[in-house]
Amino acid sequence: MKIAVASQNRKEITGHTGMCRKFWIYSIENDAIARKDMLSLTKDQSFHETSPLEPSPLDDVQVLIAGGMGTGLARRLQQKNIQALITKEMGPDQAVEDFLSGKLKTEALEPHEHGNEHHHRD
């Protein structure tokens, strides 16, 4: 299993997942963290800049943990069989440990309204 955690500053879990370009990728074996690697995306690879139909470097994860995410991105991940989880936990390692032990406290998805200057690629 692979778990991605949005972490733009590499220290804390990021709130705006669509704009995030840095993700910790945790490889899980026997319900424990076996490996942790940083995945850095280009701006053009971020969720905000790509179409839901395009392949993503995150397509091979099963879970994505973030501090915030709109319902549109959550649906997009669901279509790729990726479980989207929102948490107030700030530590990436702690969030993954809590997820593995069934103790991760999750939040509801955020409604996502687009203003006049907020556009996604089709």
PDB file of N, CA and C in Angstrom:
ATOM      1  N   MET A   1       0.847  -1.178   0.000  1.00  0.00           N
ATOM      2  CA  MET A   1       0.000   0.000   0.000  1.00  0.00           C
ATOM      3  C   MET A   1       0.887   1.234   0.000  1.00  0.00           C
ATOM      4  N   LYS A   2       0.415   2.277  -0.674  1.00  0.00           N
ATOM      5  CA  LYS A   2       1.103   3.564  -0.664  1.00  0.00           C
ATOM      6  C   LYS A   2       0.140   4.645  -0.188  1.00  0.00           C
ATOM      7  N   ILE A   3       0.670   5.510   0.683  1.00  0.00           N
ATOM      8  CA  ILE A   3      -0.092   6.626   1.222  1.00  0.00           C
ATOM      9  C   ILE A   3       0.643   7.909   0.860  1.00  0.00           C
ATOM     10  N   ALA A   4      -0.062   8.867   0.274  1.00  0.00           N
ATOM     11  CA  ALA A   4       0.512  10.182  -0.026  1.00  0.00           C
ATOM     12  C   ALA A   4       0.018  11.174   1.017  1.00  0.00           C
ATOM     13  N   VAL A   5       0.918  12.062   1.442  1.00  0.00           N
ATOM     14  CA  VAL A   5       0.551  13.130   2.366  1.00  0.00           C
ATOM     15  C   VAL A   5       0.986  14.456   1.746  1.00  0.00           C
ATOM     16  N   ALA A   6       0.032  15.357   1.549  1.00  0.00           N
ATOM     17  CA  ALA A   6       0.333  16.680   0.997  1.00  0.00           C
ATOM     18  C   ALA A   6       1.163  17.461   2.009  1.00  0.00           C
ATOM     19  N   SER A   7       2.353  17.930   1.590  1.00  0.00           N
ATOM     20  CA  SER A   7       3.242  18.633   2.515  1.00  0.00           C
ATOM     21  C   SER A   7       4.135  19.607   1.752  1.00  0.00           C
ATOM     22  N   GLN A   8       3.592  20.753   1.386  1.00  0.00           N
ATOM     23  CA  GLN A   8       4.323  21.716   0.567  1.00  0.00           C
ATOM     24  C   GLN A   8       5.629  22.154   1.223  1.00  0.00           C
ATOM     25  N   ASN A   9       5.640  22.342   2.555  1.00  0.00           N
ATOM     26  CA  ASN A   9       6.864  22.785   3.229  1.00  0.00           C
ATOM     27  C   ASN A   9       7.713  21.617   3.740  1.00  0.00           C
ATOM     28  N   ARG A  10       7.303  20.391   3.437  1.00  0.00           N
ATOM     29  CA  ARG A  10       8.006  19.154   3.808  1.00  0.00           C
ATOM     30  C   ARG A  10       7.977  18.865   5.311  1.00  0.00           C
ATOM     31  N   LYS A  11       7.303  19.709   6.091  1.00  0.00           N
ATOM     32  CA  LYS A  11       7.267  19.535   7.544  1.00  0.00           C
ATOM     33  C   LYS A  11       5.859  19.303   8.068  1.00  0.00           C
ATOM     34  N   GLU A  12       4.893  20.023   7.479  1.00  0.00           N
ATOM     35  CA  GLU A  12       3.515  19.956   7.952  1.00  0.00           C
ATOM     36  C   GLU A  12       2.580  19.583   6.811  1.00  0.00           C
ATOM     37  N   ILE A  13       1.417  19.089   7.186  1.00  0.00           N
ATOM     38  CA  ILE A  13       0.413  18.724   6.190  1.00  0.00           C
ATOM     39  C   ILE A  13      -0.194  19.996   5.595  1.00  0.00           C
ATOM     40  N   THR A  14      -0.291  20.018   4.280  1.00  0.00           N
ATOM     41  CA  THR A  14      -0.768  21.175   3.521  1.00  0.00           C
ATOM     42  C   THR A  14      -2.287  21.214   3.450  1.00  0.00           C
ATOM     43  N   GLY A  15      -2.835  22.427   3.533  1.00  0.00           N
ATOM     44  CA  GLY A  15      -4.275  22.606   3.461  1.00  0.00           C
ATOM     45  C   GLY A  15      -4.839  22.631   2.054  1.00  0.00           C
ATOM     46  N   HIS A  16      -4.209  23.331   1.129  1.00  0.00           N
ATOM     47  CA  HIS A  16      -4.754  23.470  -0.234  1.00  0.00           C
ATOM     48  C   HIS A  16      -4.113  22.417  -1.130  1.00  0.00           C
ATOM     49  N   THR A  17      -4.702  21.249  -1.163  1.00  0.00           N
ATOM     50  CA  THR A  17      -4.129  20.108  -1.877  1.00  0.00           C
ATOM     51  C   THR A  17      -4.026  20.344  -3.374  1.00  0.00           C
ATOM     52  N   GLY A  18      -4.985  21.029  -3.950  1.00  0.00           N
ATOM     53  CA  GLY A  18      -4.974  21.251  -5.391  1.00  0.00           C
ATOM     54  C   GLY A  18      -3.751  22.004  -5.876  1.00  0.00           C
ATOM     55  N   MET A  19      -3.235  22.909  -5.055  1.00  0.00           N
ATOM     56  CA  MET A  19      -2.058  23.696  -5.419  1.00  0.00           C
ATOM     57  C   MET A  19      -0.758  23.047  -4.943  1.00  0.00           C
ATOM     58  N   CYS A  20      -0.839  22.063  -4.081  1.00  0.00           N
ATOM     59  CA  CYS A  20       0.347  21.438  -3.491  1.00  0.00           C
ATOM     60  C   CYS A  20       1.186  20.733  -4.562  1.00  0.00           C
ATOM     61  N   ARG A  21       2.512  20.875  -4.434  1.00  0.00           N
ATOM     62  CA  ARG A  21       3.413  20.228  -5.383  1.00  0.00           C
ATOM     63  C   ARG A  21       4.392  19.281  -4.710  1.00  0.00           C
ATOM     64  N   LYS A  22       4.295  19.156  -3.382  1.00  0.00           N
ATOM     65  CA  LYS A  22       5.190  18.249  -2.663  1.00  0.00           C
ATOM     66  C   LYS A  22       4.352  17.287  -1.817  1.00  0.00           C
ATOM     67  N   PHE A  23       4.628  16.018  -1.985  1.00  0.00           N
ATOM     68  CA  PHE A  23       3.892  14.969  -1.281  1.00  0.00           C
ATOM     69  C   PHE A  23       4.874  13.955  -0.714  1.00  0.00           C
ATOM     70  N   TRP A  24       4.709  13.627   0.564  1.00  0.00           N
ATOM     71  CA  TRP A  24       5.439  12.488   1.118  1.00  0.00           C
ATOM     72  C   TRP A  24       4.712  11.235   0.660  1.00  0.00           C
ATOM     73  N   ILE A  25       5.466  10.278   0.154  1.00  0.00           N
ATOM     74  CA  ILE A  25       4.903   8.996  -0.266  1.00  0.00           C
ATOM     75  C   ILE A  25       5.411   7.937   0.701  1.00  0.00           C
ATOM     76  N   TYR A  26       4.490   7.321   1.408  1.00  0.00           N
ATOM     77  CA  TYR A  26       4.819   6.279   2.382  1.00  0.00           C
ATOM     78  C   TYR A  26       4.497   4.920   1.777  1.00  0.00           C
ATOM     79  N   SER A  27       5.482   4.051   1.756  1.00  0.00           N
ATOM     80  CA  SER A  27       5.262   2.662   1.347  1.00  0.00           C
ATOM     81  C   SER A  27       4.999   1.868   2.617  1.00  0.00           C
ATOM     82  N   ILE A  28       3.885   1.157   2.638  1.00  0.00           N
ATOM     83  CA  ILE A  28       3.452   0.431   3.827  1.00  0.00           C
ATOM     84  C   ILE A  28       3.592  -1.068   3.591  1.00  0.00           C
ATOM     85  N   GLU A  29       4.249  -1.734   4.527  1.00  0.00           N
ATOM     86  CA  GLU A  29       4.360  -3.190   4.492  1.00  0.00           C
ATOM     87  C   GLU A  29       4.054  -3.717   5.885  1.00  0.00           C
ATOM     88  N   ASN A  30       3.224  -4.729   5.970  1.00  0.00           N
ATOM     89  CA  ASN A  30       2.844  -5.328   7.257  1.00  0.00           C
ATOM     90  C   ASN A  30       2.336  -4.274   8.243  1.00  0.00           C
ATOM     91  N   ASP A  31       1.479  -3.374   7.746  1.00  0.00           N
ATOM     92  CA  ASP A  31       0.866  -2.326   8.565  1.00  0.00           C
ATOM     93  C   ASP A  31       1.875  -1.397   9.236  1.00  0.00           C
ATOM     94  N   ALA A  32       3.043  -1.226   8.626  1.00  0.00           N
ATOM     95  CA  ALA A  32       4.064  -0.325   9.162  1.00  0.00           C
ATOM     96  C   ALA A  32       4.726   0.431   8.009  1.00  0.00           C
ATOM     97  N   ILE A  33       5.278   1.590   8.336  1.00  0.00           N
ATOM     98  CA  ILE A  33       5.982   2.382   7.326  1.00  0.00           C
ATOM     99  C   ILE A  33       7.288   1.683   6.983  1.00  0.00           C
ATOM    100  N   ALA A  34       7.442   1.312   5.718  1.00  0.00           N
ATOM    101  CA  ALA A  34       8.663   0.659   5.263  1.00  0.00           C
ATOM    102  C   ALA A  34       9.598   1.657   4.582  1.00  0.00           C
ATOM    103  N   ARG A  35       9.025   2.712   4.015  1.00  0.00           N
ATOM    104  CA  ARG A  35       9.832   3.680   3.272  1.00  0.00           C
ATOM    105  C   ARG A  35       9.054   4.987   3.161  1.00  0.00           C
ATOM    106  N   LYS A  36       9.790   6.093   3.123  1.00  0.00           N
ATOM    107  CA  LYS A  36       9.195   7.425   2.985  1.00  0.00           C
ATOM    108  C   LYS A  36      10.024   8.209   1.971  1.00  0.00           C
ATOM    109  N   ASP A  37       9.375   8.669   0.905  1.00  0.00           N
ATOM    110  CA  ASP A  37      10.063   9.420  -0.144  1.00  0.00           C
ATOM    111  C   ASP A  37       9.294  10.695  -0.457  1.00  0.00           C
ATOM    112  N   MET A  38      10.017  11.740  -0.876  1.00  0.00           N
ATOM    113  CA  MET A  38       9.385  12.992  -1.282  1.00  0.00           C
ATOM    114  C   MET A  38       9.142  12.965  -2.785  1.00  0.00           C
ATOM    115  N   LEU A  39       7.899  13.240  -3.175  1.00  0.00           N
ATOM    116  CA  LEU A  39       7.536  13.389  -4.582  1.00  0.00           C
ATOM    117  C   LEU A  39       7.321  14.879  -4.834  1.00  0.00           C
ATOM    118  N   SER A  40       8.106  15.444  -5.731  1.00  0.00           N
ATOM    119  CA  SER A  40       7.967  16.857  -6.095  1.00  0.00           C
ATOM    120  C   SER A  40       7.387  16.951  -7.495  1.00  0.00           C
ATOM    121  N   LEU A  41       6.263  17.635  -7.599  1.00  0.00           N
ATOM    122  CA  LEU A  41       5.600  17.827  -8.886  1.00  0.00           C
ATOM    123  C   LEU A  41       5.971  19.192  -9.460  1.00  0.00           C
ATOM    124  N   THR A  42       5.917  19.309 -10.763  1.00  0.00           N
ATOM    125  CA  THR A  42       6.027  20.628 -11.377  1.00  0.00           C
ATOM    126  C   THR A  42       4.670  21.316 -11.209  1.00  0.00           C
ATOM    127  N   LYS A  43       4.644  22.622 -11.406  1.00  0.00           N
ATOM    128  CA  LYS A  43       3.367  23.340 -11.305  1.00  0.00           C
ATOM    129  C   LYS A  43       2.348  22.747 -12.272  1.00  0.00           C
ATOM    130  N   ASP A  44       2.812  22.386 -13.467  1.00  0.00           N
ATOM    131  CA  ASP A  44       1.915  21.825 -14.480  1.00  0.00           C
ATOM    132  C   ASP A  44       1.369  20.450 -14.106  1.00  0.00           C
ATOM    133  N   GLN A  45       1.985  19.770 -13.124  1.00  0.00           N
ATOM    134  CA  GLN A  45       1.513  18.455 -12.687  1.00  0.00           C
ATOM    135  C   GLN A  45       0.576  18.541 -11.488  1.00  0.00           C
ATOM    136  N   SER A  46       0.433  19.732 -10.884  1.00  0.00           N
ATOM    137  CA  SER A  46      -0.430  19.857  -9.705  1.00  0.00           C
ATOM    138  C   SER A  46      -1.878  19.550 -10.090  1.00  0.00           C
ATOM    139  N   PHE A  47      -2.673  19.152  -9.112  1.00  0.00           N
ATOM    140  CA  PHE A  47      -4.084  18.850  -9.375  1.00  0.00           C
ATOM    141  C   PHE A  47      -4.790  20.070  -9.961  1.00  0.00           C
ATOM    142  N   HIS A  48      -4.429  21.246  -9.481  1.00  0.00           N
ATOM    143  CA  HIS A  48      -5.072  22.480  -9.922  1.00  0.00           C
ATOM    144  C   HIS A  48      -4.857  22.738 -11.410  1.00  0.00           C
ATOM    145  N   GLU A  49      -3.720  22.324 -11.937  1.00  0.00           N
ATOM    146  CA  GLU A  49      -3.357  22.621 -13.323  1.00  0.00           C
ATOM    147  C   GLU A  49      -3.665  21.490 -14.301  1.00  0.00           C
ATOM    148  N   THR A  50      -4.082  20.341 -13.804  1.00  0.00           N
ATOM    149  CA  THR A  50      -4.291  19.195 -14.691  1.00  0.00           C
ATOM    150  C   THR A  50      -5.761  18.818 -14.795  1.00  0.00           C
ATOM    151  N   SER A  51      -6.076  18.135 -15.842  1.00  0.00           N
ATOM    152  CA  SER A  51      -7.418  17.612 -16.061  1.00  0.00           C
ATOM    153  C   SER A  51      -7.579  16.305 -15.288  1.00  0.00           C
ATOM    154  N   PRO A  52      -8.790  16.016 -14.809  1.00  0.00           N
ATOM    155  CA  PRO A  52      -9.023  14.735 -14.133  1.00  0.00           C
ATOM    156  C   PRO A  52      -8.723  13.534 -15.027  1.00  0.00           C
ATOM    157  N   LEU A  53      -8.727  13.726 -16.326  1.00  0.00           N
ATOM    158  CA  LEU A  53      -8.498  12.616 -17.252  1.00  0.00           C
ATOM    159  C   LEU A  53      -7.017  12.325 -17.470  1.00  0.00           C
ATOM    160  N   GLU A  54      -6.151  13.274 -17.101  1.00  0.00           N
ATOM    161  CA  GLU A  54      -4.717  13.081 -17.304  1.00  0.00           C
ATOM    162  C   GLU A  54      -4.134  12.158 -16.242  1.00  0.00           C
ATOM    163  N   PRO A  55      -3.133  11.351 -16.610  1.00  0.00           N
ATOM    164  CA  PRO A  55      -2.436  10.549 -15.606  1.00  0.00           C
ATOM    165  C   PRO A  55      -1.689  11.471 -14.640  1.00  0.00           C
ATOM    166  N   SER A  56      -1.515  11.006 -13.420  1.00  0.00           N
ATOM    167  CA  SER A  56      -0.811  11.767 -12.393  1.00  0.00           C
ATOM    168  C   SER A  56       0.254  10.882 -11.755  1.00  0.00           C
ATOM    169  N   PRO A  57       1.372  11.477 -11.314  1.00  0.00           N
ATOM    170  CA  PRO A  57       2.366  10.695 -10.577  1.00  0.00           C
ATOM    171  C   PRO A  57       1.808  10.112  -9.275  1.00  0.00           C
ATOM    172  N   LEU A  58       0.650  10.602  -8.841  1.00  0.00           N
ATOM    173  CA  LEU A  58       0.032  10.098  -7.610  1.00  0.00           C
ATOM    174  C   LEU A  58      -0.988   8.990  -7.869  1.00  0.00           C
ATOM    175  N   ASP A  59      -1.147   8.578  -9.101  1.00  0.00           N
ATOM    176  CA  ASP A  59      -2.161   7.572  -9.434  1.00  0.00           C
ATOM    177  C   ASP A  59      -1.928   6.216  -8.777  1.00  0.00           C
ATOM    178  N   ASP A  60      -0.701   5.941  -8.320  1.00  0.00           N
ATOM    179  CA  ASP A  60      -0.436   4.620  -7.744  1.00  0.00           C
ATOM    180  C   ASP A  60      -0.556   4.576  -6.219  1.00  0.00           C
ATOM    181  N   VAL A  61      -1.064   5.664  -5.597  1.00  0.00           N
ATOM    182  CA  VAL A  61      -1.301   5.622  -4.156  1.00  0.00           C
ATOM    183  C   VAL A  61      -2.731   5.166  -3.896  1.00  0.00           C
ATOM    184  N   GLN A  62      -2.972   4.624  -2.720  1.00  0.00           N
ATOM    185  CA  GLN A  62      -4.311   4.177  -2.349  1.00  0.00           C
ATOM    186  C   GLN A  62      -5.020   5.176  -1.434  1.00  0.00           C
ATOM    187  N   VAL A  63      -4.229   6.008  -0.735  1.00  0.00           N
ATOM    188  CA  VAL A  63      -4.777   6.972   0.224  1.00  0.00           C
ATOM    189  C   VAL A  63      -4.030   8.288   0.051  1.00  0.00           C
ATOM    190  N   LEU A  64      -4.751   9.414   0.121  1.00  0.00           N
ATOM    191  CA  LEU A  64      -4.123  10.728   0.131  1.00  0.00           C
ATOM    192  C   LEU A  64      -4.641  11.476   1.349  1.00  0.00           C
ATOM    193  N   ILE A  65      -3.718  11.887   2.216  1.00  0.00           N
ATOM    194  CA  ILE A  65      -4.060  12.619   3.433  1.00  0.00           C
ATOM    195  C   ILE A  65      -3.656  14.075   3.239  1.00  0.00           C
ATOM    196  N   ALA A  66      -4.565  14.989   3.598  1.00  0.00           N
ATOM    197  CA  ALA A  66      -4.305  16.419   3.428  1.00  0.00           C
ATOM    198  C   ALA A  66      -5.001  17.206   4.527  1.00  0.00           C
ATOM    199  N   GLY A  67      -4.664  18.488   4.606  1.00  0.00           N
ATOM    200  CA  GLY A  67      -5.296  19.366   5.576  1.00  0.00           C
ATOM    201  C   GLY A  67      -6.564  20.006   5.052  1.00  0.00           C
ATOM    202  N   GLY A  68      -6.784  19.929   3.754  1.00  0.00           N
ATOM    203  CA  GLY A  68      -7.975  20.496   3.147  1.00  0.00           C
ATOM    204  C   GLY A  68      -8.074  20.088   1.692  1.00  0.00           C
ATOM    205  N   MET A  69      -9.304  20.007   1.215  1.00  0.00           N
ATOM    206  CA  MET A  69      -9.533  19.568  -0.160  1.00  0.00           C
ATOM    207  C   MET A  69     -10.987  19.839  -0.516  1.00  0.00           C
ATOM    208  N   GLY A  70     -11.212  20.324  -1.718  1.00  0.00           N
ATOM    209  CA  GLY A  70     -12.572  20.533  -2.185  1.00  0.00           C
ATOM    210  C   GLY A  70     -13.219  19.230  -2.614  1.00  0.00           C
ATOM    211  N   THR A  71     -14.531  19.259  -2.732  1.00  0.00           N
ATOM    212  CA  THR A  71     -15.258  18.044  -3.115  1.00  0.00           C
ATOM    213  C   THR A  71     -14.927  17.596  -4.532  1.00  0.00           C
ATOM    214  N   GLY A  72     -14.596  18.543  -5.408  1.00  0.00           N
ATOM    215  CA  GLY A  72     -14.243  18.175  -6.782  1.00  0.00           C
ATOM    216  C   GLY A  72     -12.995  17.317  -6.838  1.00  0.00           C
ATOM    217  N   LEU A  73     -11.968  17.703  -6.091  1.00  0.00           N
ATOM    218  CA  LEU A  73     -10.742  16.910  -6.061  1.00  0.00           C
ATOM    219  C   LEU A  73     -10.999  15.565  -5.396  1.00  0.00           C
ATOM    220  N   ALA A  74     -11.800  15.551  -4.350  1.00  0.00           N
ATOM    221  CA  ALA A  74     -12.117  14.280  -3.687  1.00  0.00           C
ATOM    222  C   ALA A  74     -12.811  13.322  -4.653  1.00  0.00           C
ATOM    223  N   ARG A  75     -13.743  13.834  -5.454  1.00  0.00           N
ATOM    224  CA  ARG A  75     -14.412  12.989  -6.462  1.00  0.00           C
ATOM    225  C   ARG A  75     -13.411  12.489  -7.501  1.00  0.00           C
ATOM    226  N   ARG A  76     -12.527  13.361  -7.911  1.00  0.00           N
ATOM    227  CA  ARG A  76     -11.494  12.993  -8.884  1.00  0.00           C
ATOM    228  C   ARG A  76     -10.623  11.854  -8.351  1.00  0.00           C
ATOM    229  N   LEU A  77     -10.225  11.963  -7.092  1.00  0.00           N
ATOM    230  CA  LEU A  77      -9.419  10.904  -6.482  1.00  0.00           C
ATOM    231  C   LEU A  77     -10.221   9.614  -6.359  1.00  0.00           C
ATOM    232  N   GLN A  78     -11.481   9.742  -5.966  1.00  0.00           N
ATOM    233  CA  GLN A  78     -12.343   8.567  -5.830  1.00  0.00           C
ATOM    234  C   GLN A  78     -12.459   7.827  -7.160  1.00  0.00           C
ATOM    235  N   GLN A  79     -12.545   8.560  -8.257  1.00  0.00           N
ATOM    236  CA  GLN A  79     -12.628   7.928  -9.578  1.00  0.00           C
ATOM    237  C   GLN A  79     -11.363   7.143  -9.913  1.00  0.00           C
ATOM    238  N   LYS A  80     -10.263   7.497  -9.251  1.00  0.00           N
ATOM    239  CA  LYS A  80      -9.001   6.780  -9.456  1.00  0.00           C
ATOM    240  C   LYS A  80      -8.753   5.779  -8.325  1.00  0.00           C
ATOM    241  N   ASN A  81      -9.807   5.499  -7.544  1.00  0.00           N
ATOM    242  CA  ASN A  81      -9.733   4.561  -6.417  1.00  0.00           C
ATOM    243  C   ASN A  81      -8.718   4.984  -5.360  1.00  0.00           C
ATOM    244  N   ILE A  82      -8.631   6.291  -5.124  1.00  0.00           N
ATOM    245  CA  ILE A  82      -7.768   6.836  -4.079  1.00  0.00           C
ATOM    246  C   ILE A  82      -8.668   7.402  -2.986  1.00  0.00           C
ATOM    247  N   GLN A  83      -8.474   6.935  -1.757  1.00  0.00           N
ATOM    248  CA  GLN A  83      -9.257   7.412  -0.621  1.00  0.00           C
ATOM    249  C   GLN A  83      -8.694   8.760  -0.165  1.00  0.00           C
ATOM    250  N   ALA A  84      -9.510   9.800  -0.169  1.00  0.00           N
ATOM    251  CA  ALA A  84      -9.101  11.138   0.254  1.00  0.00           C
ATOM    252  C   ALA A  84      -9.510  11.358   1.704  1.00  0.00           C
ATOM    253  N   LEU A  85      -8.549  11.763   2.532  1.00  0.00           N
ATOM    254  CA  LEU A  85      -8.816  12.008   3.944  1.00  0.00           C
ATOM    255  C   LEU A  85      -8.333  13.401   4.326  1.00  0.00           C
ATOM    256  N   ILE A  86      -9.176  14.142   5.048  1.00  0.00           N
ATOM    257  CA  ILE A  86      -8.841  15.471   5.546  1.00  0.00           C
ATOM    258  C   ILE A  86      -8.646  15.361   7.050  1.00  0.00           C
ATOM    259  N   THR A  87      -7.557  15.960   7.546  1.00  0.00           N
ATOM    260  CA  THR A  87      -7.278  15.900   8.975  1.00  0.00           C
ATOM    261  C   THR A  87      -6.719  17.229   9.468  1.00  0.00           C
ATOM    262  N   LYS A  88      -6.881  17.487  10.757  1.00  0.00           N
ATOM    263  CA  LYS A  88      -6.258  18.654  11.384  1.00  0.00           C
ATOM    264  C   LYS A  88      -4.877  18.307  11.927  1.00  0.00           C
ATOM    265  N   GLU A  89      -4.536  17.030  11.931  1.00  0.00           N
ATOM    266  CA  GLU A  89      -3.189  16.613  12.345  1.00  0.00           C
ATOM    267  C   GLU A  89      -2.183  17.301  11.428  1.00  0.00           C
ATOM    268  N   MET A  90      -1.148  17.892  11.988  1.00  0.00           N
ATOM    269  CA  MET A  90      -0.175  18.632  11.177  1.00  0.00           C
ATOM    270  C   MET A  90       1.058  17.803  10.811  1.00  0.00           C
ATOM    271  N   GLY A  91       1.366  16.775  11.583  1.00  0.00           N
ATOM    272  CA  GLY A  91       2.562  15.984  11.329  1.00  0.00           C
ATOM    273  C   GLY A  91       2.307  14.861  10.338  1.00  0.00           C
ATOM    274  N   PRO A  92       3.013  14.846   9.200  1.00  0.00           N
ATOM    275  CA  PRO A  92       2.807  13.774   8.217  1.00  0.00           C
ATOM    276  C   PRO A  92       3.024  12.372   8.790  1.00  0.00           C
ATOM    277  N   ASP A  93       4.130  12.173   9.507  1.00  0.00           N
ATOM    278  CA  ASP A  93       4.407  10.846  10.065  1.00  0.00           C
ATOM    279  C   ASP A  93       3.312  10.423  11.042  1.00  0.00           C
ATOM    280  N   GLN A  94       2.905  11.361  11.910  1.00  0.00           N
ATOM    281  CA  GLN A  94       1.872  11.052  12.898  1.00  0.00           C
ATOM    282  C   GLN A  94       0.554  10.711  12.221  1.00  0.00           C
ATOM    283  N   ALA A  95       0.206  11.449  11.172  1.00  0.00           N
ATOM    284  CA  ALA A  95      -1.047  11.183  10.455  1.00  0.00           C
ATOM    285  C   ALA A  95      -1.045   9.780   9.860  1.00  0.00           C
ATOM    286  N   VAL A  96       0.070   9.379   9.280  1.00  0.00           N
ATOM    287  CA  VAL A  96       0.146   8.037   8.688  1.00  0.00           C
ATOM    288  C   VAL A  96       0.082   6.975   9.778  1.00  0.00           C
ATOM    289  N   GLU A  97       0.813   7.179  10.867  1.00  0.00           N
ATOM    290  CA  GLU A  97       0.761   6.227  11.988  1.00  0.00           C
ATOM    291  C   GLU A  97      -0.670   6.117  12.526  1.00  0.00           C
ATOM    292  N   ASP A  98      -1.338   7.261  12.686  1.00  0.00           N
ATOM    293  CA  ASP A  98      -2.719   7.252  13.178  1.00  0.00           C
ATOM    294  C   ASP A  98      -3.648   6.546  12.194  1.00  0.00           C
ATOM    295  N   PHE A  99      -3.449   6.771  10.895  1.00  0.00           N
ATOM    296  CA  PHE A  99      -4.264   6.088   9.887  1.00  0.00           C
ATOM    297  C   PHE A  99      -4.077   4.575   9.991  1.00  0.00           C
ATOM    298  N   LEU A 100      -2.839   4.145  10.100  1.00  0.00           N
ATOM    299  CA  LEU A 100      -2.552   2.708  10.154  1.00  0.00           C
ATOM    300  C   LEU A 100      -3.135   2.051  11.400  1.00  0.00           C
ATOM    301  N   SER A 101      -3.210   2.807  12.493  1.00  0.00           N
ATOM    302  CA  SER A 101      -3.755   2.252  13.734  1.00  0.00           C
ATOM    303  C   SER A 101      -5.259   2.498  13.868  1.00  0.00           C
ATOM    304  N   GLY A 102      -5.866   3.139  12.859  1.00  0.00           N
ATOM    305  CA  GLY A 102      -7.301   3.406  12.902  1.00  0.00           C
ATOM    306  C   GLY A 102      -7.680   4.565  13.796  1.00  0.00           C
ATOM    307  N   LYS A 103      -6.714   5.429  14.150  1.00  0.00           N
ATOM    308  CA  LYS A 103      -6.973   6.530  15.078  1.00  0.00           C
ATOM    309  C   LYS A 103      -6.949   7.911  14.432  1.00  0.00           C
ATOM    310  N   LEU A 104      -6.781   7.984  13.109  1.00  0.00           N
ATOM    311  CA  LEU A 104      -6.707   9.292  12.457  1.00  0.00           C
ATOM    312  C   LEU A 104      -8.062   9.988  12.530  1.00  0.00           C
ATOM    313  N   LYS A 105      -8.075  11.183  13.110  1.00  0.00           N
ATOM    314  CA  LYS A 105      -9.296  11.986  13.180  1.00  0.00           C
ATOM    315  C   LYS A 105      -9.432  12.740  11.867  1.00  0.00           C
ATOM    316  N   THR A 106     -10.551  12.525  11.187  1.00  0.00           N
ATOM    317  CA  THR A 106     -10.754  13.152   9.883  1.00  0.00           C
ATOM    318  C   THR A 106     -11.861  14.199   9.947  1.00  0.00           C
ATOM    319  N   GLU A 107     -11.830  15.093   8.979  1.00  0.00           N
ATOM    320  CA  GLU A 107     -12.782  16.193   8.868  1.00  0.00           C
ATOM    321  C   GLU A 107     -13.616  16.006   7.608  1.00  0.00           C
ATOM    322  N   ALA A 108     -14.706  16.748   7.522  1.00  0.00           N
ATOM    323  CA  ALA A 108     -15.544  16.728   6.321  1.00  0.00           C
ATOM    324  C   ALA A 108     -14.829  17.454   5.185  1.00  0.00           C
ATOM    325  N   LEU A 109     -15.147  17.066   3.973  1.00  0.00           N
ATOM    326  CA  LEU A 109     -14.601  17.747   2.804  1.00  0.00           C
ATOM    327  C   LEU A 109     -15.122  19.170   2.753  1.00  0.00           C
ATOM    328  N   GLU A 110     -14.333  20.066   2.161  1.00  0.00           N
ATOM    329  CA  GLU A 110     -14.707  21.471   2.065  1.00  0.00           C
ATOM    330  C   GLU A 110     -15.524  21.720   0.806  1.00  0.00           C
ATOM    331  N   PRO A 111     -16.610  22.475   0.908  1.00  0.00           N
ATOM    332  CA  PRO A 111     -17.259  22.911  -0.334  1.00  0.00           C
ATOM    333  C   PRO A 111     -16.268  23.818  -1.051  1.00  0.00           C
ATOM    334  N   HIS A 112     -16.248  23.789  -2.345  1.00  0.00           N
ATOM    335  CA  HIS A 112     -15.228  24.535  -3.091  1.00  0.00           C
ATOM    336  C   HIS A 112     -15.897  25.419  -4.128  1.00  0.00           C
ATOM    337  N   GLU A 113     -15.903  26.712  -3.870  1.00  0.00           N
ATOM    338  CA  GLU A 113     -16.508  27.672  -4.795  1.00  0.00           C
ATOM    339  C   GLU A 113     -15.407  28.366  -5.572  1.00  0.00           C
ATOM    340  N   HIS A 114     -15.613  28.514  -6.848  1.00  0.00           N
ATOM    341  CA  HIS A 114     -14.636  29.187  -7.694  1.00  0.00           C
ATOM    342  C   HIS A 114     -15.040  30.632  -7.906  1.00  0.00           C
ATOM    343  N   GLY A 115     -14.085  31.541  -7.670  1.00  0.00           N
ATOM    344  CA  GLY A 115     -14.306  32.949  -7.961  1.00  0.00           C
ATOM    345  C   GLY A 115     -13.970  33.232  -9.413  1.00  0.00           C
ATOM    346  N   ASN A 116     -14.067  34.477  -9.796  1.00  0.00           N
ATOM    347  CA  ASN A 116     -13.820  34.863 -11.183  1.00  0.00           C
ATOM    348  C   ASN A 116     -12.401  34.588 -11.644  1.00  0.00           C
ATOM    349  N   GLU A 117     -11.434  34.625 -10.752  1.00  0.00           N
ATOM    350  CA  GLU A 117     -10.034  34.454 -11.130  1.00  0.00           C
ATOM    351  C   GLU A 117      -9.521  33.051 -10.827  1.00  0.00           C
ATOM    352  N   HIS A 118     -10.395  32.124 -10.590  1.00  0.00           N
ATOM    353  CA  HIS A 118      -9.995  30.773 -10.199  1.00  0.00           C
ATOM    354  C   HIS A 118     -10.461  29.800 -11.275  1.00  0.00           C
ATOM    355  N   HIS A 119      -9.520  29.284 -12.046  1.00  0.00           N
ATOM    356  CA  HIS A 119      -9.886  28.410 -13.157  1.00  0.00           C
ATOM    357  C   HIS A 119      -9.060  27.135 -13.140  1.00  0.00           C
ATOM    358  N   HIS A 120      -9.655  26.059 -13.586  1.00  0.00           N
ATOM    359  CA  HIS A 120      -8.979  24.777 -13.767  1.00  0.00           C
ATOM    360  C   HIS A 120      -8.946  24.467 -15.248  1.00  0.00           C
ATOM    361  N   ARG A 121      -7.960  23.679 -15.649  1.00  0.00           N
ATOM    362  CA  ARG A 121      -7.928  23.226 -17.037  1.00  0.00           C
ATOM    363  C   ARG A 121      -8.974  22.157 -17.239  1.00  0.00           C
ATOM    364  N   ASP A 122      -9.550  22.108 -18.410  1.00  0.00           N
ATOM    365  CA  ASP A 122     -10.538  21.072 -18.736  1.00  0.00           C
ATOM    366  C   ASP A 122      -9.866  19.879 -19.356  1.00  0.00           C
TER     367      ASP A 122
END
